[in-house]
Structures are given as C-alpha cells and as structure tokens.
Amino acid sequence: MSTVCDVTGAKPSFGNTVSHSHRRTRRRWNPNLQRRRFRLADGRTVRLTLSTTAIKIIDRDGIDAVVARPRARGAKI
C-alpha cells in the first residue's frame, strides 16, 4: 500500500527521537492511512487510500466533489 493519501497528499514526515540524554535518532511519523471503497453517482466504484482527514472531507463535501478535484489536475482516479 502506498504511503500517500490520494486526496490530501499526506505522506510520512521525518524527524528525531530525543532521549532523556538528548541523543537523537532518526524516526518517521506515518499518516493514518486506510483503504476505502466508494460508489460514485454514475454507479462506478473507486478505491482510494485515504488519511482520516480525507475521510472527514469526503463526509463533508461528498465523494463526487472530492474525486473531481484530482481529476481536474490530471490525476487518474
């Protein structure tokens, strides 16, 4: 599964874990990504890798409006 959200573009961020002695080691924060299947108004089904923020955006705006945005940019969904 890819580690990038199809709607928001959320991807892992990187930084340091700082111990009590202030030793720094590299770490990464992964977004909470989930695979969801949605049915569009024309009856087709799309499967998207979404962050939890994107799921809330779809609840607010509707799946057809959200899928239209990346398609307008030329992305294949």
PDB file of N, CA and C in Angstrom:
ATOM      1  N   MET A   1       0.842  -1.174   0.000  1.00  0.00           N
ATOM      2  CA  MET A   1       0.000   0.000   0.000  1.00  0.00           C
ATOM      3  C   MET A   1       0.891   1.241   0.000  1.00  0.00           C
ATOM      4  N   SER A   2       0.514   2.209  -0.796  1.00  0.00           N
ATOM      5  CA  SER A   2       1.306   3.433  -0.868  1.00  0.00           C
ATOM      6  C   SER A   2       1.131   4.242   0.419  1.00  0.00           C
ATOM      7  N   THR A   3       2.119   5.045   0.735  1.00  0.00           N
ATOM      8  CA  THR A   3       2.057   5.827   1.972  1.00  0.00           C
ATOM      9  C   THR A   3       1.714   7.280   1.695  1.00  0.00           C
ATOM     10  N   VAL A   4       0.901   7.521   0.656  1.00  0.00           N
ATOM     11  CA  VAL A   4       0.474   8.868   0.316  1.00  0.00           C
ATOM     12  C   VAL A   4      -1.047   8.864   0.170  1.00  0.00           C
ATOM     13  N   CYS A   5      -1.703   9.843   0.769  1.00  0.00           N
ATOM     14  CA  CYS A   5      -3.155   9.975   0.672  1.00  0.00           C
ATOM     15  C   CYS A   5      -3.524  10.469  -0.727  1.00  0.00           C
ATOM     16  N   ASP A   6      -4.555   9.865  -1.342  1.00  0.00           N
ATOM     17  CA  ASP A   6      -4.983  10.239  -2.683  1.00  0.00           C
ATOM     18  C   ASP A   6      -5.657  11.606  -2.730  1.00  0.00           C
ATOM     19  N   VAL A   7      -6.218  12.061  -1.631  1.00  0.00           N
ATOM     20  CA  VAL A   7      -6.963  13.321  -1.616  1.00  0.00           C
ATOM     21  C   VAL A   7      -6.111  14.467  -1.077  1.00  0.00           C
ATOM     22  N   THR A   8      -5.556  14.299   0.101  1.00  0.00           N
ATOM     23  CA  THR A   8      -4.824  15.400   0.732  1.00  0.00           C
ATOM     24  C   THR A   8      -3.335  15.393   0.419  1.00  0.00           C
ATOM     25  N   GLY A   9      -2.802  14.282  -0.045  1.00  0.00           N
ATOM     26  CA  GLY A   9      -1.371  14.190  -0.322  1.00  0.00           C
ATOM     27  C   GLY A   9      -0.534  14.008   0.929  1.00  0.00           C
ATOM     28  N   ALA A  10      -1.173  13.636   2.041  1.00  0.00           N
ATOM     29  CA  ALA A  10      -0.434  13.431   3.289  1.00  0.00           C
ATOM     30  C   ALA A  10       0.545  12.280   3.127  1.00  0.00           C
ATOM     31  N   LYS A  11       1.781  12.489   3.555  1.00  0.00           N
ATOM     32  CA  LYS A  11       2.799  11.445   3.478  1.00  0.00           C
ATOM     33  C   LYS A  11       3.625  11.473   4.753  1.00  0.00           C
ATOM     34  N   PRO A  12       4.489  10.490   4.959  1.00  0.00           N
ATOM     35  CA  PRO A  12       5.257  10.455   6.203  1.00  0.00           C
ATOM     36  C   PRO A  12       6.118  11.698   6.376  1.00  0.00           C
ATOM     37  N   SER A  13       6.255  12.131   7.635  1.00  0.00           N
ATOM     38  CA  SER A  13       7.177  13.213   7.954  1.00  0.00           C
ATOM     39  C   SER A  13       8.298  12.629   8.800  1.00  0.00           C
ATOM     40  N   PHE A  14       9.439  13.277   8.763  1.00  0.00           N
ATOM     41  CA  PHE A  14      10.631  12.736   9.401  1.00  0.00           C
ATOM     42  C   PHE A  14      11.153  13.696  10.455  1.00  0.00           C
ATOM     43  N   GLY A  15      11.844  13.157  11.433  1.00  0.00           N
ATOM     44  CA  GLY A  15      12.420  13.979  12.477  1.00  0.00           C
ATOM     45  C   GLY A  15      13.299  13.138  13.374  1.00  0.00           C
ATOM     46  N   ASN A  16      13.480  13.592  14.581  1.00  0.00           N
ATOM     47  CA  ASN A  16      14.353  12.916  15.532  1.00  0.00           C
ATOM     48  C   ASN A  16      13.581  12.482  16.764  1.00  0.00           C
ATOM     49  N   THR A  17      13.955  11.336  17.292  1.00  0.00           N
ATOM     50  CA  THR A  17      13.554  10.942  18.632  1.00  0.00           C
ATOM     51  C   THR A  17      14.645  11.438  19.558  1.00  0.00           C
ATOM     52  N   VAL A  18      14.271  12.182  20.584  1.00  0.00           N
ATOM     53  CA  VAL A  18      15.261  12.736  21.507  1.00  0.00           C
ATOM     54  C   VAL A  18      15.103  12.025  22.838  1.00  0.00           C
ATOM     55  N   SER A  19      16.143  11.336  23.259  1.00  0.00           N
ATOM     56  CA  SER A  19      16.104  10.584  24.502  1.00  0.00           C
ATOM     57  C   SER A  19      16.321  11.521  25.698  1.00  0.00           C
ATOM     58  N   HIS A  20      16.276  10.933  26.865  1.00  0.00           N
ATOM     59  CA  HIS A  20      16.489  11.711  28.082  1.00  0.00           C
ATOM     60  C   HIS A  20      17.887  12.342  28.098  1.00  0.00           C
ATOM     61  N   SER A  21      18.866  11.647  27.528  1.00  0.00           N
ATOM     62  CA  SER A  21      20.231  12.175  27.481  1.00  0.00           C
ATOM     63  C   SER A  21      20.450  13.077  26.261  1.00  0.00           C
ATOM     64  N   HIS A  22      19.385  13.389  25.562  1.00  0.00           N
ATOM     65  CA  HIS A  22      19.375  14.241  24.367  1.00  0.00           C
ATOM     66  C   HIS A  22      20.110  13.634  23.176  1.00  0.00           C
ATOM     67  N   ARG A  23      20.224  12.325  23.154  1.00  0.00           N
ATOM     68  CA  ARG A  23      20.733  11.638  21.987  1.00  0.00           C
ATOM     69  C   ARG A  23      19.647  11.649  20.932  1.00  0.00           C
ATOM     70  N   ARG A  24      20.001  11.900  19.687  1.00  0.00           N
ATOM     71  CA  ARG A  24      18.989  11.996  18.636  1.00  0.00           C
ATOM     72  C   ARG A  24      19.137  10.844  17.650  1.00  0.00           C
ATOM     73  N   THR A  25      18.031  10.180  17.390  1.00  0.00           N
ATOM     74  CA  THR A  25      17.997   9.142  16.361  1.00  0.00           C
ATOM     75  C   THR A  25      16.843   9.457  15.424  1.00  0.00           C
ATOM     76  N   ARG A  26      17.020   9.132  14.159  1.00  0.00           N
ATOM     77  CA  ARG A  26      16.006   9.459  13.148  1.00  0.00           C
ATOM     78  C   ARG A  26      14.763   8.596  13.334  1.00  0.00           C
ATOM     79  N   ARG A  27      13.630   9.190  13.072  1.00  0.00           N
ATOM     80  CA  ARG A  27      12.368   8.456  13.117  1.00  0.00           C
ATOM     81  C   ARG A  27      11.420   9.014  12.083  1.00  0.00           C
ATOM     82  N   ARG A  28      10.274   8.372  11.912  1.00  0.00           N
ATOM     83  CA  ARG A  28       9.299   8.861  10.950  1.00  0.00           C
ATOM     84  C   ARG A  28       7.903   8.727  11.513  1.00  0.00           C
ATOM     85  N   TRP A  29       7.063   9.701  11.187  1.00  0.00           N
ATOM     86  CA  TRP A  29       5.658   9.710  11.587  1.00  0.00           C
ATOM     87  C   TRP A  29       4.827   9.375  10.365  1.00  0.00           C
ATOM     88  N   ASN A  30       4.124   8.249  10.415  1.00  0.00           N
ATOM     89  CA  ASN A  30       3.281   7.836   9.302  1.00  0.00           C
ATOM     90  C   ASN A  30       1.872   8.394   9.474  1.00  0.00           C
ATOM     91  N   PRO A  31       1.238   8.822   8.373  1.00  0.00           N
ATOM     92  CA  PRO A  31      -0.158   9.253   8.481  1.00  0.00           C
ATOM     93  C   PRO A  31      -1.058   8.036   8.681  1.00  0.00           C
ATOM     94  N   ASN A  32      -2.219   8.260   9.243  1.00  0.00           N
ATOM     95  CA  ASN A  32      -3.181   7.182   9.478  1.00  0.00           C
ATOM     96  C   ASN A  32      -3.927   6.930   8.167  1.00  0.00           C
ATOM     97  N   LEU A  33      -3.393   6.041   7.326  1.00  0.00           N
ATOM     98  CA  LEU A  33      -3.972   5.770   6.009  1.00  0.00           C
ATOM     99  C   LEU A  33      -4.841   4.525   6.052  1.00  0.00           C
ATOM    100  N   GLN A  34      -5.948   4.599   5.330  1.00  0.00           N
ATOM    101  CA  GLN A  34      -6.883   3.483   5.256  1.00  0.00           C
ATOM    102  C   GLN A  34      -7.383   3.346   3.831  1.00  0.00           C
ATOM    103  N   ARG A  35      -7.646   2.102   3.413  1.00  0.00           N
ATOM    104  CA  ARG A  35      -8.194   1.848   2.081  1.00  0.00           C
ATOM    105  C   ARG A  35      -9.722   1.856   2.193  1.00  0.00           C
ATOM    106  N   ARG A  36     -10.373   2.679   1.387  1.00  0.00           N
ATOM    107  CA  ARG A  36     -11.831   2.777   1.403  1.00  0.00           C
ATOM    108  C   ARG A  36     -12.380   2.637  -0.003  1.00  0.00           C
ATOM    109  N   ARG A  37     -13.553   2.055  -0.118  1.00  0.00           N
ATOM    110  CA  ARG A  37     -14.225   1.888  -1.402  1.00  0.00           C
ATOM    111  C   ARG A  37     -15.478   2.762  -1.390  1.00  0.00           C
ATOM    112  N   PHE A  38     -15.666   3.538  -2.455  1.00  0.00           N
ATOM    113  CA  PHE A  38     -16.813   4.441  -2.559  1.00  0.00           C
ATOM    114  C   PHE A  38     -17.525   4.209  -3.875  1.00  0.00           C
ATOM    115  N   ARG A  39     -18.835   4.409  -3.874  1.00  0.00           N
ATOM    116  CA  ARG A  39     -19.630   4.316  -5.092  1.00  0.00           C
ATOM    117  C   ARG A  39     -19.971   5.731  -5.546  1.00  0.00           C
ATOM    118  N   LEU A  40     -19.621   6.034  -6.795  1.00  0.00           N
ATOM    119  CA  LEU A  40     -19.884   7.358  -7.356  1.00  0.00           C
ATOM    120  C   LEU A  40     -21.331   7.453  -7.823  1.00  0.00           C
ATOM    121  N   ALA A  41     -21.756   8.650  -8.201  1.00  0.00           N
ATOM    122  CA  ALA A  41     -23.138   8.878  -8.615  1.00  0.00           C
ATOM    123  C   ALA A  41     -23.467   8.127  -9.898  1.00  0.00           C
ATOM    124  N   ASP A  42     -22.474   7.915 -10.775  1.00  0.00           N
ATOM    125  CA  ASP A  42     -22.738   7.215 -12.035  1.00  0.00           C
ATOM    126  C   ASP A  42     -22.697   5.697 -11.872  1.00  0.00           C
ATOM    127  N   GLY A  43     -22.541   5.200 -10.644  1.00  0.00           N
ATOM    128  CA  GLY A  43     -22.591   3.772 -10.380  1.00  0.00           C
ATOM    129  C   GLY A  43     -21.233   3.092 -10.325  1.00  0.00           C
ATOM    130  N   ARG A  44     -20.167   3.787 -10.716  1.00  0.00           N
ATOM    131  CA  ARG A  44     -18.842   3.189 -10.663  1.00  0.00           C
ATOM    132  C   ARG A  44     -18.319   3.186  -9.233  1.00  0.00           C
ATOM    133  N   THR A  45     -17.393   2.272  -8.969  1.00  0.00           N
ATOM    134  CA  THR A  45     -16.785   2.158  -7.655  1.00  0.00           C
ATOM    135  C   THR A  45     -15.328   2.572  -7.749  1.00  0.00           C
ATOM    136  N   VAL A  46     -14.857   3.386  -6.801  1.00  0.00           N
ATOM    137  CA  VAL A  46     -13.454   3.774  -6.730  1.00  0.00           C
ATOM    138  C   VAL A  46     -12.898   3.323  -5.388  1.00  0.00           C
ATOM    139  N   ARG A  47     -11.641   2.904  -5.409  1.00  0.00           N
ATOM    140  CA  ARG A  47     -10.944   2.514  -4.191  1.00  0.00           C
ATOM    141  C   ARG A  47      -9.828   3.501  -3.960  1.00  0.00           C
ATOM    142  N   LEU A  48      -9.815   4.116  -2.795  1.00  0.00           N
ATOM    143  CA  LEU A  48      -8.859   5.172  -2.511  1.00  0.00           C
ATOM    144  C   LEU A  48      -8.074   4.858  -1.239  1.00  0.00           C
ATOM    145  N   THR A  49      -6.827   5.295  -1.212  1.00  0.00           N
ATOM    146  CA  THR A  49      -6.035   5.279   0.005  1.00  0.00           C
ATOM    147  C   THR A  49      -6.177   6.656   0.629  1.00  0.00           C
ATOM    148  N   LEU A  50      -6.797   6.711   1.808  1.00  0.00           N
ATOM    149  CA  LEU A  50      -7.172   7.992   2.407  1.00  0.00           C
ATOM    150  C   LEU A  50      -6.623   8.134   3.811  1.00  0.00           C
ATOM    151  N   SER A  51      -6.276   9.356   4.155  1.00  0.00           N
ATOM    152  CA  SER A  51      -5.976   9.669   5.550  1.00  0.00           C
ATOM    153  C   SER A  51      -7.314   9.908   6.258  1.00  0.00           C
ATOM    154  N   THR A  52      -7.280   9.901   7.567  1.00  0.00           N
ATOM    155  CA  THR A  52      -8.525  10.111   8.307  1.00  0.00           C
ATOM    156  C   THR A  52      -9.058  11.520   8.079  1.00  0.00           C
ATOM    157  N   THR A  53      -8.176  12.480   7.829  1.00  0.00           N
ATOM    158  CA  THR A  53      -8.620  13.837   7.491  1.00  0.00           C
ATOM    159  C   THR A  53      -9.390  13.831   6.180  1.00  0.00           C
ATOM    160  N   ALA A  54      -8.921  13.061   5.202  1.00  0.00           N
ATOM    161  CA  ALA A  54      -9.590  12.986   3.904  1.00  0.00           C
ATOM    162  C   ALA A  54     -10.962  12.326   4.026  1.00  0.00           C
ATOM    163  N   ILE A  55     -11.090  11.355   4.918  1.00  0.00           N
ATOM    164  CA  ILE A  55     -12.394  10.709   5.133  1.00  0.00           C
ATOM    165  C   ILE A  55     -13.383  11.740   5.667  1.00  0.00           C
ATOM    166  N   LYS A  56     -12.933  12.627   6.562  1.00  0.00           N
ATOM    167  CA  LYS A  56     -13.810  13.677   7.080  1.00  0.00           C
ATOM    168  C   LYS A  56     -14.164  14.687   5.997  1.00  0.00           C
ATOM    169  N   ILE A  57     -13.225  14.971   5.087  1.00  0.00           N
ATOM    170  CA  ILE A  57     -13.503  15.881   3.970  1.00  0.00           C
ATOM    171  C   ILE A  57     -14.555  15.276   3.048  1.00  0.00           C
ATOM    172  N   ILE A  58     -14.471  13.966   2.798  1.00  0.00           N
ATOM    173  CA  ILE A  58     -15.458  13.293   1.953  1.00  0.00           C
ATOM    174  C   ILE A  58     -16.831  13.312   2.620  1.00  0.00           C
ATOM    175  N   ASP A  59     -16.872  13.125   3.932  1.00  0.00           N
ATOM    176  CA  ASP A  59     -18.143  13.205   4.652  1.00  0.00           C
ATOM    177  C   ASP A  59     -18.756  14.597   4.523  1.00  0.00           C
ATOM    178  N   ARG A  60     -17.907  15.623   4.534  1.00  0.00           N
ATOM    179  CA  ARG A  60     -18.386  16.995   4.469  1.00  0.00           C
ATOM    180  C   ARG A  60     -18.815  17.397   3.064  1.00  0.00           C
ATOM    181  N   ASP A  61     -17.972  17.111   2.046  1.00  0.00           N
ATOM    182  CA  ASP A  61     -18.196  17.622   0.689  1.00  0.00           C
ATOM    183  C   ASP A  61     -18.877  16.639  -0.253  1.00  0.00           C
ATOM    184  N   GLY A  62     -18.780  15.351   0.026  1.00  0.00           N
ATOM    185  CA  GLY A  62     -19.336  14.345  -0.864  1.00  0.00           C
ATOM    186  C   GLY A  62     -18.248  13.752  -1.748  1.00  0.00           C
ATOM    187  N   ILE A  63     -18.392  12.469  -2.072  1.00  0.00           N
ATOM    188  CA  ILE A  63     -17.356  11.762  -2.815  1.00  0.00           C
ATOM    189  C   ILE A  63     -17.208  12.286  -4.240  1.00  0.00           C
ATOM    190  N   ASP A  64     -18.294  12.662  -4.893  1.00  0.00           N
ATOM    191  CA  ASP A  64     -18.207  13.127  -6.284  1.00  0.00           C
ATOM    192  C   ASP A  64     -17.425  14.437  -6.390  1.00  0.00           C
ATOM    193  N   ALA A  65     -17.638  15.346  -5.449  1.00  0.00           N
ATOM    194  CA  ALA A  65     -16.911  16.618  -5.464  1.00  0.00           C
ATOM    195  C   ALA A  65     -15.439  16.408  -5.154  1.00  0.00           C
ATOM    196  N   VAL A  66     -15.138  15.490  -4.241  1.00  0.00           N
ATOM    197  CA  VAL A  66     -13.752  15.254  -3.847  1.00  0.00           C
ATOM    198  C   VAL A  66     -12.980  14.554  -4.959  1.00  0.00           C
ATOM    199  N   VAL A  67     -13.598  13.605  -5.643  1.00  0.00           N
ATOM    200  CA  VAL A  67     -12.927  12.882  -6.733  1.00  0.00           C
ATOM    201  C   VAL A  67     -12.727  13.801  -7.940  1.00  0.00           C
ATOM    202  N   ALA A  68     -13.581  14.801  -8.108  1.00  0.00           N
ATOM    203  CA  ALA A  68     -13.449  15.713  -9.247  1.00  0.00           C
ATOM    204  C   ALA A  68     -12.204  16.585  -9.144  1.00  0.00           C
ATOM    205  N   ARG A  69     -11.751  16.894  -7.924  1.00  0.00           N
ATOM    206  CA  ARG A  69     -10.572  17.765  -7.755  1.00  0.00           C
ATOM    207  C   ARG A  69      -9.292  17.158  -8.318  1.00  0.00           C
ATOM    208  N   PRO A  70      -8.919  15.914  -7.947  1.00  0.00           N
ATOM    209  CA  PRO A  70      -7.693  15.353  -8.528  1.00  0.00           C
ATOM    210  C   PRO A  70      -7.833  15.099 -10.031  1.00  0.00           C
ATOM    211  N   ARG A  71      -9.035  14.759 -10.472  1.00  0.00           N
ATOM    212  CA  ARG A  71      -9.232  14.540 -11.906  1.00  0.00           C
ATOM    213  C   ARG A  71      -9.044  15.828 -12.683  1.00  0.00           C
ATOM    214  N   ALA A  72      -9.422  16.976 -12.107  1.00  0.00           N
ATOM    215  CA  ALA A  72      -9.217  18.251 -12.769  1.00  0.00           C
ATOM    216  C   ALA A  72      -7.726  18.581 -12.904  1.00  0.00           C
ATOM    217  N   ARG A  73      -6.921  18.102 -11.937  1.00  0.00           N
ATOM    218  CA  ARG A  73      -5.464  18.294 -12.005  1.00  0.00           C
ATOM    219  C   ARG A  73      -4.796  17.316 -12.963  1.00  0.00           C
ATOM    220  N   GLY A  74      -5.544  16.296 -13.418  1.00  0.00           N
ATOM    221  CA  GLY A  74      -4.991  15.332 -14.350  1.00  0.00           C
ATOM    222  C   GLY A  74      -4.596  14.016 -13.725  1.00  0.00           C
ATOM    223  N   ALA A  75      -4.881  13.823 -12.435  1.00  0.00           N
ATOM    224  CA  ALA A  75      -4.553  12.556 -11.785  1.00  0.00           C
ATOM    225  C   ALA A  75      -5.568  11.492 -12.191  1.00  0.00           C
ATOM    226  N   LYS A  76      -5.118  10.260 -12.247  1.00  0.00           N
ATOM    227  CA  LYS A  76      -6.005   9.167 -12.650  1.00  0.00           C
ATOM    228  C   LYS A  76      -6.609   8.526 -11.407  1.00  0.00           C
ATOM    229  N   ILE A  77      -7.922   8.691 -11.252  1.00  0.00           N
ATOM    230  CA  ILE A  77      -8.646   8.053 -10.144  1.00  0.00           C
ATOM    231  C   ILE A  77      -9.854   7.350 -10.723  1.00  0.00           C
TER     232      ILE A  77
END
